[in-house]
Amino acid sequence: MAEHGRQLAEAEAKHLHAGLAARADHIADLQRTLKALMPAPERPALPVPGQQGDEHPSAPTSPSTDTGTAAGGRRRWRRT
């Protein structure tokens, strides 16, 4: 009877260790993913379009009529 209890305890310990190892692997994967999504320290993060003050300095502020775009923002291609 005591042998059976010891075997159950060993099986439970193995199961718990396997679960901890799987969680550690998952946490490591999440940390690598988060690091990949972070901006590089030597470059600033890219601005999010639509946020106030994050406009690109060379971006046009008003639509131009001679940019070659049709209504709806689609580009018209013409041979020159």
PDB file of N, CA and C in Angstrom:
ATOM      1  N   MET A   1       0.819  -1.190   0.000  1.00  0.00           N
ATOM      2  CA  MET A   1       0.000   0.000   0.000  1.00  0.00           C
ATOM      3  C   MET A   1       0.869   1.263   0.000  1.00  0.00           C
ATOM      4  N   ALA A   2       1.914   1.296   0.779  1.00  0.00           N
ATOM      5  CA  ALA A   2       2.812   2.457   0.833  1.00  0.00           C
ATOM      6  C   ALA A   2       3.534   2.630  -0.498  1.00  0.00           C
ATOM      7  N   GLU A   3       3.835   1.524  -1.151  1.00  0.00           N
ATOM      8  CA  GLU A   3       4.504   1.577  -2.455  1.00  0.00           C
ATOM      9  C   GLU A   3       3.602   2.255  -3.486  1.00  0.00           C
ATOM     10  N   HIS A   4       2.331   1.938  -3.433  1.00  0.00           N
ATOM     11  CA  HIS A   4       1.377   2.544  -4.367  1.00  0.00           C
ATOM     12  C   HIS A   4       1.288   4.067  -4.141  1.00  0.00           C
ATOM     13  N   GLY A   5       1.279   4.509  -2.911  1.00  0.00           N
ATOM     14  CA  GLY A   5       1.240   5.931  -2.588  1.00  0.00           C
ATOM     15  C   GLY A   5       2.491   6.641  -3.075  1.00  0.00           C
ATOM     16  N   ARG A   6       3.649   5.986  -2.942  1.00  0.00           N
ATOM     17  CA  ARG A   6       4.905   6.572  -3.418  1.00  0.00           C
ATOM     18  C   ARG A   6       4.891   6.712  -4.938  1.00  0.00           C
ATOM     19  N   GLN A   7       4.376   5.695  -5.626  1.00  0.00           N
ATOM     20  CA  GLN A   7       4.299   5.747  -7.090  1.00  0.00           C
ATOM     21  C   GLN A   7       3.363   6.864  -7.556  1.00  0.00           C
ATOM     22  N   LEU A   8       2.255   7.024  -6.844  1.00  0.00           N
ATOM     23  CA  LEU A   8       1.326   8.107  -7.196  1.00  0.00           C
ATOM     24  C   LEU A   8       1.979   9.472  -6.982  1.00  0.00           C
ATOM     25  N   ALA A   9       2.702   9.632  -5.890  1.00  0.00           N
ATOM     26  CA  ALA A   9       3.367  10.901  -5.602  1.00  0.00           C
ATOM     27  C   ALA A   9       4.438  11.196  -6.647  1.00  0.00           C
ATOM     28  N   GLU A  10       5.188  10.178  -7.063  1.00  0.00           N
ATOM     29  CA  GLU A  10       6.211  10.371  -8.106  1.00  0.00           C
ATOM     30  C   GLU A  10       5.568  10.748  -9.438  1.00  0.00           C
ATOM     31  N   ALA A  11       4.461  10.096  -9.774  1.00  0.00           N
ATOM     32  CA  ALA A  11       3.768  10.403 -11.029  1.00  0.00           C
ATOM     33  C   ALA A  11       3.235  11.835 -11.000  1.00  0.00           C
ATOM     34  N   GLU A  12       2.686  12.241  -9.861  1.00  0.00           N
ATOM     35  CA  GLU A  12       2.178  13.603  -9.745  1.00  0.00           C
ATOM     36  C   GLU A  12       3.310  14.620  -9.843  1.00  0.00           C
ATOM     37  N   ALA A  13       4.444  14.326  -9.206  1.00  0.00           N
ATOM     38  CA  ALA A  13       5.593  15.228  -9.274  1.00  0.00           C
ATOM     39  C   ALA A  13       6.098  15.357 -10.708  1.00  0.00           C
ATOM     40  N   LYS A  14       6.171  14.251 -11.444  1.00  0.00           N
ATOM     41  CA  LYS A  14       6.601  14.303 -12.855  1.00  0.00           C
ATOM     42  C   LYS A  14       5.629  15.140 -13.679  1.00  0.00           C
ATOM     43  N   HIS A  15       4.340  14.952 -13.408  1.00  0.00           N
ATOM     44  CA  HIS A  15       3.319  15.710 -14.137  1.00  0.00           C
ATOM     45  C   HIS A  15       3.456  17.212 -13.846  1.00  0.00           C
ATOM     46  N   LEU A  16       3.674  17.558 -12.591  1.00  0.00           N
ATOM     47  CA  LEU A  16       3.819  18.973 -12.229  1.00  0.00           C
ATOM     48  C   LEU A  16       5.094  19.569 -12.823  1.00  0.00           C
ATOM     49  N   HIS A  17       6.182  18.815 -12.823  1.00  0.00           N
ATOM     50  CA  HIS A  17       7.429  19.310 -13.416  1.00  0.00           C
ATOM     51  C   HIS A  17       7.270  19.512 -14.923  1.00  0.00           C
ATOM     52  N   ALA A  18       6.557  18.598 -15.581  1.00  0.00           N
ATOM     53  CA  ALA A  18       6.320  18.743 -17.022  1.00  0.00           C
ATOM     54  C   ALA A  18       5.483  19.995 -17.297  1.00  0.00           C
ATOM     55  N   GLY A  19       4.477  20.241 -16.463  1.00  0.00           N
ATOM     56  CA  GLY A  19       3.659  21.435 -16.632  1.00  0.00           C
ATOM     57  C   GLY A  19       4.454  22.712 -16.431  1.00  0.00           C
ATOM     58  N   LEU A  20       5.328  22.707 -15.427  1.00  0.00           N
ATOM     59  CA  LEU A  20       6.177  23.882 -15.192  1.00  0.00           C
ATOM     60  C   LEU A  20       7.138  24.112 -16.355  1.00  0.00           C
ATOM     61  N   ALA A  21       7.705  23.042 -16.906  1.00  0.00           N
ATOM     62  CA  ALA A  21       8.618  23.179 -18.047  1.00  0.00           C
ATOM     63  C   ALA A  21       7.875  23.727 -19.267  1.00  0.00           C
ATOM     64  N   ALA A  22       6.652  23.259 -19.490  1.00  0.00           N
ATOM     65  CA  ALA A  22       5.862  23.746 -20.631  1.00  0.00           C
ATOM     66  C   ALA A  22       5.539  25.225 -20.456  1.00  0.00           C
ATOM     67  N   ARG A  23       5.190  25.620 -19.238  1.00  0.00           N
ATOM     68  CA  ARG A  23       4.892  27.034 -18.984  1.00  0.00           C
ATOM     69  C   ARG A  23       6.137  27.894 -19.135  1.00  0.00           C
ATOM     70  N   ALA A  24       7.284  27.392 -18.699  1.00  0.00           N
ATOM     71  CA  ALA A  24       8.533  28.148 -18.849  1.00  0.00           C
ATOM     72  C   ALA A  24       8.854  28.349 -20.329  1.00  0.00           C
ATOM     73  N   ASP A  25       8.639  27.307 -21.143  1.00  0.00           N
ATOM     74  CA  ASP A  25       8.859  27.443 -22.589  1.00  0.00           C
ATOM     75  C   ASP A  25       7.905  28.469 -23.190  1.00  0.00           C
ATOM     76  N   HIS A  26       6.651  28.438 -22.759  1.00  0.00           N
ATOM     77  CA  HIS A  26       5.658  29.383 -23.280  1.00  0.00           C
ATOM     78  C   HIS A  26       6.023  30.818 -22.887  1.00  0.00           C
ATOM     79  N   ILE A  27       6.458  31.014 -21.661  1.00  0.00           N
ATOM     80  CA  ILE A  27       6.862  32.351 -21.204  1.00  0.00           C
ATOM     81  C   ILE A  27       8.057  32.842 -22.007  1.00  0.00           C
ATOM     82  N   ALA A  28       9.020  31.957 -22.267  1.00  0.00           N
ATOM     83  CA  ALA A  28      10.187  32.339 -23.066  1.00  0.00           C
ATOM     84  C   ALA A  28       9.770  32.736 -24.480  1.00  0.00           C
ATOM     85  N   ASP A  29       8.817  31.999 -25.070  1.00  0.00           N
ATOM     86  CA  ASP A  29       8.310  32.354 -26.400  1.00  0.00           C
ATOM     87  C   ASP A  29       7.635  33.725 -26.381  1.00  0.00           C
ATOM     88  N   LEU A  30       6.836  33.991 -25.355  1.00  0.00           N
ATOM     89  CA  LEU A  30       6.176  35.288 -25.252  1.00  0.00           C
ATOM     90  C   LEU A  30       7.184  36.416 -25.069  1.00  0.00           C
ATOM     91  N   GLN A  31       8.236  36.163 -24.297  1.00  0.00           N
ATOM     92  CA  GLN A  31       9.257  37.193 -24.098  1.00  0.00           C
ATOM     93  C   GLN A  31       9.995  37.489 -25.402  1.00  0.00           C
ATOM     94  N   ARG A  32      10.296  36.439 -26.194  1.00  0.00           N
ATOM     95  CA  ARG A  32      10.956  36.658 -27.494  1.00  0.00           C
ATOM     96  C   ARG A  32      10.039  37.436 -28.438  1.00  0.00           C
ATOM     97  N   THR A  33       8.755  37.111 -28.433  1.00  0.00           N
ATOM     98  CA  THR A  33       7.796  37.829 -29.280  1.00  0.00           C
ATOM     99  C   THR A  33       7.698  39.292 -28.879  1.00  0.00           C
ATOM    100  N   LEU A  34       7.610  39.547 -27.594  1.00  0.00           N
ATOM    101  CA  LEU A  34       7.535  40.927 -27.112  1.00  0.00           C
ATOM    102  C   LEU A  34       8.792  41.698 -27.480  1.00  0.00           C
ATOM    103  N   LYS A  35       9.943  41.070 -27.340  1.00  0.00           N
ATOM    104  CA  LYS A  35      11.199  41.733 -27.695  1.00  0.00           C
ATOM    105  C   LYS A  35      11.245  42.048 -29.187  1.00  0.00           C
ATOM    106  N   ALA A  36      10.719  41.142 -30.023  1.00  0.00           N
ATOM    107  CA  ALA A  36      10.704  41.369 -31.471  1.00  0.00           C
ATOM    108  C   ALA A  36       9.774  42.518 -31.840  1.00  0.00           C
ATOM    109  N   LEU A  37       8.742  42.745 -31.051  1.00  0.00           N
ATOM    110  CA  LEU A  37       7.787  43.810 -31.343  1.00  0.00           C
ATOM    111  C   LEU A  37       8.231  45.169 -30.817  1.00  0.00           C
ATOM    112  N   MET A  38       9.218  45.192 -29.961  1.00  0.00           N
ATOM    113  CA  MET A  38       9.710  46.447 -29.388  1.00  0.00           C
ATOM    114  C   MET A  38      10.578  47.173 -30.422  1.00  0.00           C
ATOM    115  N   PRO A  39      10.532  48.518 -30.447  1.00  0.00           N
ATOM    116  CA  PRO A  39      11.402  49.251 -31.372  1.00  0.00           C
ATOM    117  C   PRO A  39      12.862  49.116 -30.940  1.00  0.00           C
ATOM    118  N   ALA A  40      13.722  49.169 -31.919  1.00  0.00           N
ATOM    119  CA  ALA A  40      15.155  49.103 -31.633  1.00  0.00           C
ATOM    120  C   ALA A  40      15.556  50.349 -30.845  1.00  0.00           C
ATOM    121  N   PRO A  41      16.472  50.242 -29.899  1.00  0.00           N
ATOM    122  CA  PRO A  41      16.829  51.405 -29.076  1.00  0.00           C
ATOM    123  C   PRO A  41      17.493  52.523 -29.866  1.00  0.00           C
ATOM    124  N   GLU A  42      18.148  52.213 -30.977  1.00  0.00           N
ATOM    125  CA  GLU A  42      18.827  53.266 -31.733  1.00  0.00           C
ATOM    126  C   GLU A  42      17.893  53.989 -32.698  1.00  0.00           C
ATOM    127  N   ARG A  43      16.658  53.498 -32.870  1.00  0.00           N
ATOM    128  CA  ARG A  43      15.690  54.151 -33.746  1.00  0.00           C
ATOM    129  C   ARG A  43      14.444  54.507 -32.951  1.00  0.00           C
ATOM    130  N   PRO A  44      13.826  55.635 -33.251  1.00  0.00           N
ATOM    131  CA  PRO A  44      12.565  55.946 -32.585  1.00  0.00           C
ATOM    132  C   PRO A  44      11.450  55.067 -33.146  1.00  0.00           C
ATOM    133  N   ALA A  45      10.411  54.910 -32.399  1.00  0.00           N
ATOM    134  CA  ALA A  45       9.256  54.138 -32.858  1.00  0.00           C
ATOM    135  C   ALA A  45       8.583  54.885 -33.995  1.00  0.00           C
ATOM    136  N   LEU A  46       7.974  54.140 -34.902  1.00  0.00           N
ATOM    137  CA  LEU A  46       7.241  54.752 -36.003  1.00  0.00           C
ATOM    138  C   LEU A  46       5.965  55.377 -35.456  1.00  0.00           C
ATOM    139  N   PRO A  47       5.588  56.548 -35.949  1.00  0.00           N
ATOM    140  CA  PRO A  47       4.354  57.173 -35.463  1.00  0.00           C
ATOM    141  C   PRO A  47       3.135  56.391 -35.924  1.00  0.00           C
ATOM    142  N   VAL A  48       2.099  56.400 -35.120  1.00  0.00           N
ATOM    143  CA  VAL A  48       0.853  55.748 -35.466  1.00  0.00           C
ATOM    144  C   VAL A  48       0.017  56.743 -36.250  1.00  0.00           C
ATOM    145  N   PRO A  49      -0.418  56.384 -37.464  1.00  0.00           N
ATOM    146  CA  PRO A  49      -1.220  57.320 -38.263  1.00  0.00           C
ATOM    147  C   PRO A  49      -2.489  57.711 -37.528  1.00  0.00           C
ATOM    148  N   GLY A  50      -2.824  58.964 -37.628  1.00  0.00           N
ATOM    149  CA  GLY A  50      -4.043  59.468 -37.023  1.00  0.00           C
ATOM    150  C   GLY A  50      -3.855  60.062 -35.641  1.00  0.00           C
ATOM    151  N   GLN A  51      -2.698  59.873 -35.032  1.00  0.00           N
ATOM    152  CA  GLN A  51      -2.460  60.483 -33.731  1.00  0.00           C
ATOM    153  C   GLN A  51      -2.003  61.920 -33.933  1.00  0.00           C
ATOM    154  N   GLN A  52      -2.488  62.807 -33.107  1.00  0.00           N
ATOM    155  CA  GLN A  52      -2.183  64.223 -33.249  1.00  0.00           C
ATOM    156  C   GLN A  52      -0.706  64.475 -32.991  1.00  0.00           C
ATOM    157  N   GLY A  53      -0.096  65.274 -33.855  1.00  0.00           N
ATOM    158  CA  GLY A  53       1.302  65.645 -33.685  1.00  0.00           C
ATOM    159  C   GLY A  53       2.279  64.661 -34.280  1.00  0.00           C
ATOM    160  N   ASP A  54       1.800  63.564 -34.835  1.00  0.00           N
ATOM    161  CA  ASP A  54       2.694  62.560 -35.391  1.00  0.00           C
ATOM    162  C   ASP A  54       2.731  62.601 -36.914  1.00  0.00           C
ATOM    163  N   GLU A  55       2.319  63.694 -37.494  1.00  0.00           N
ATOM    164  CA  GLU A  55       2.334  63.801 -38.944  1.00  0.00           C
ATOM    165  C   GLU A  55       3.766  63.852 -39.453  1.00  0.00           C
ATOM    166  N   HIS A  56       3.990  63.239 -40.582  1.00  0.00           N
ATOM    167  CA  HIS A  56       5.312  63.259 -41.195  1.00  0.00           C
ATOM    168  C   HIS A  56       5.553  64.646 -41.743  1.00  0.00           C
ATOM    169  N   PRO A  57       6.726  65.234 -41.519  1.00  0.00           N
ATOM    170  CA  PRO A  57       6.946  66.616 -41.944  1.00  0.00           C
ATOM    171  C   PRO A  57       6.843  66.824 -43.449  1.00  0.00           C
ATOM    172  N   SER A  58       7.116  65.809 -44.246  1.00  0.00           N
ATOM    173  CA  SER A  58       7.044  65.990 -45.696  1.00  0.00           C
ATOM    174  C   SER A  58       5.697  65.562 -46.261  1.00  0.00           C
ATOM    175  N   ALA A  59       4.785  65.128 -45.424  1.00  0.00           N
ATOM    176  CA  ALA A  59       3.476  64.703 -45.910  1.00  0.00           C
ATOM    177  C   ALA A  59       2.668  65.926 -46.309  1.00  0.00           C
ATOM    178  N   PRO A  60       1.956  65.845 -47.436  1.00  0.00           N
ATOM    179  CA  PRO A  60       1.143  66.985 -47.858  1.00  0.00           C
ATOM    180  C   PRO A  60      -0.006  67.193 -46.886  1.00  0.00           C
ATOM    181  N   THR A  61      -0.336  68.445 -46.652  1.00  0.00           N
ATOM    182  CA  THR A  61      -1.409  68.762 -45.724  1.00  0.00           C
ATOM    183  C   THR A  61      -2.734  68.953 -46.432  1.00  0.00           C
ATOM    184  N   SER A  62      -2.704  69.190 -47.741  1.00  0.00           N
ATOM    185  CA  SER A  62      -3.941  69.325 -48.490  1.00  0.00           C
ATOM    186  C   SER A  62      -3.808  68.533 -49.782  1.00  0.00           C
ATOM    187  N   PRO A  63      -4.920  68.028 -50.287  1.00  0.00           N
ATOM    188  CA  PRO A  63      -4.843  67.250 -51.518  1.00  0.00           C
ATOM    189  C   PRO A  63      -4.426  68.127 -52.696  1.00  0.00           C
ATOM    190  N   SER A  64      -3.605  67.588 -53.544  1.00  0.00           N
ATOM    191  CA  SER A  64      -3.129  68.310 -54.716  1.00  0.00           C
ATOM    192  C   SER A  64      -3.855  67.788 -55.944  1.00  0.00           C
ATOM    193  N   THR A  65      -4.080  68.652 -56.907  1.00  0.00           N
ATOM    194  CA  THR A  65      -4.809  68.226 -58.095  1.00  0.00           C
ATOM    195  C   THR A  65      -3.889  67.619 -59.137  1.00  0.00           C
ATOM    196  N   ASP A  66      -2.590  67.828 -59.042  1.00  0.00           N
ATOM    197  CA  ASP A  66      -1.689  67.304 -60.071  1.00  0.00           C
ATOM    198  C   ASP A  66      -0.816  66.164 -59.530  1.00  0.00           C
ATOM    199  N   THR A  67      -1.333  65.353 -58.610  1.00  0.00           N
ATOM    200  CA  THR A  67      -0.530  64.256 -58.062  1.00  0.00           C
ATOM    201  C   THR A  67      -0.703  62.971 -58.850  1.00  0.00           C
ATOM    202  N   GLY A  68      -1.632  62.946 -59.793  1.00  0.00           N
ATOM    203  CA  GLY A  68      -1.823  61.734 -60.568  1.00  0.00           C
ATOM    204  C   GLY A  68      -2.769  60.760 -59.899  1.00  0.00           C
ATOM    205  N   THR A  69      -3.547  61.206 -58.959  1.00  0.00           N
ATOM    206  CA  THR A  69      -4.494  60.311 -58.316  1.00  0.00           C
ATOM    207  C   THR A  69      -5.898  60.669 -58.734  1.00  0.00           C
ATOM    208  N   ALA A  70      -6.706  59.659 -58.916  1.00  0.00           N
ATOM    209  CA  ALA A  70      -8.104  59.854 -59.279  1.00  0.00           C
ATOM    210  C   ALA A  70      -8.924  60.000 -58.015  1.00  0.00           C
ATOM    211  N   ALA A  71     -10.200  60.322 -58.188  1.00  0.00           N
ATOM    212  CA  ALA A  71     -11.091  60.430 -57.029  1.00  0.00           C
ATOM    213  C   ALA A  71     -11.096  59.090 -56.300  1.00  0.00           C
ATOM    214  N   GLY A  72     -11.107  59.144 -55.003  1.00  0.00           N
ATOM    215  CA  GLY A  72     -11.079  57.925 -54.215  1.00  0.00           C
ATOM    216  C   GLY A  72      -9.666  57.515 -53.858  1.00  0.00           C
ATOM    217  N   GLY A  73      -8.678  58.298 -54.272  1.00  0.00           N
ATOM    218  CA  GLY A  73      -7.308  58.012 -53.895  1.00  0.00           C
ATOM    219  C   GLY A  73      -6.612  56.979 -54.752  1.00  0.00           C
ATOM    220  N   ARG A  74      -7.242  56.508 -55.817  1.00  0.00           N
ATOM    221  CA  ARG A  74      -6.573  55.522 -56.665  1.00  0.00           C
ATOM    222  C   ARG A  74      -5.688  56.228 -57.673  1.00  0.00           C
ATOM    223  N   ARG A  75      -4.547  55.672 -57.931  1.00  0.00           N
ATOM    224  CA  ARG A  75      -3.566  56.281 -58.813  1.00  0.00           C
ATOM    225  C   ARG A  75      -3.924  56.026 -60.274  1.00  0.00           C
ATOM    226  N   ARG A  76      -3.834  57.101 -61.077  1.00  0.00           N
ATOM    227  CA  ARG A  76      -4.032  56.971 -62.528  1.00  0.00           C
ATOM    228  C   ARG A  76      -2.665  56.877 -63.178  1.00  0.00           C
ATOM    229  N   TRP A  77      -2.472  55.900 -63.982  1.00  0.00           N
ATOM    230  CA  TRP A  77      -1.205  55.731 -64.686  1.00  0.00           C
ATOM    231  C   TRP A  77      -1.380  56.169 -66.123  1.00  0.00           C
ATOM    232  N   ARG A  78      -0.449  56.966 -66.572  1.00  0.00           N
ATOM    233  CA  ARG A  78      -0.492  57.404 -67.954  1.00  0.00           C
ATOM    234  C   ARG A  78       0.891  57.327 -68.560  1.00  0.00           C
ATOM    235  N   ARG A  79       0.938  57.058 -69.801  1.00  0.00           N
ATOM    236  CA  ARG A  79       2.215  56.968 -70.499  1.00  0.00           C
ATOM    237  C   ARG A  79       2.754  58.359 -70.782  1.00  0.00           C
ATOM    238  N   THR A  80       4.055  58.493 -70.658  1.00  0.00           N
ATOM    239  CA  THR A  80       4.657  59.801 -70.949  1.00  0.00           C
ATOM    240  C   THR A  80       5.597  59.698 -72.124  1.00  0.00           C
TER     241      THR A  80
END
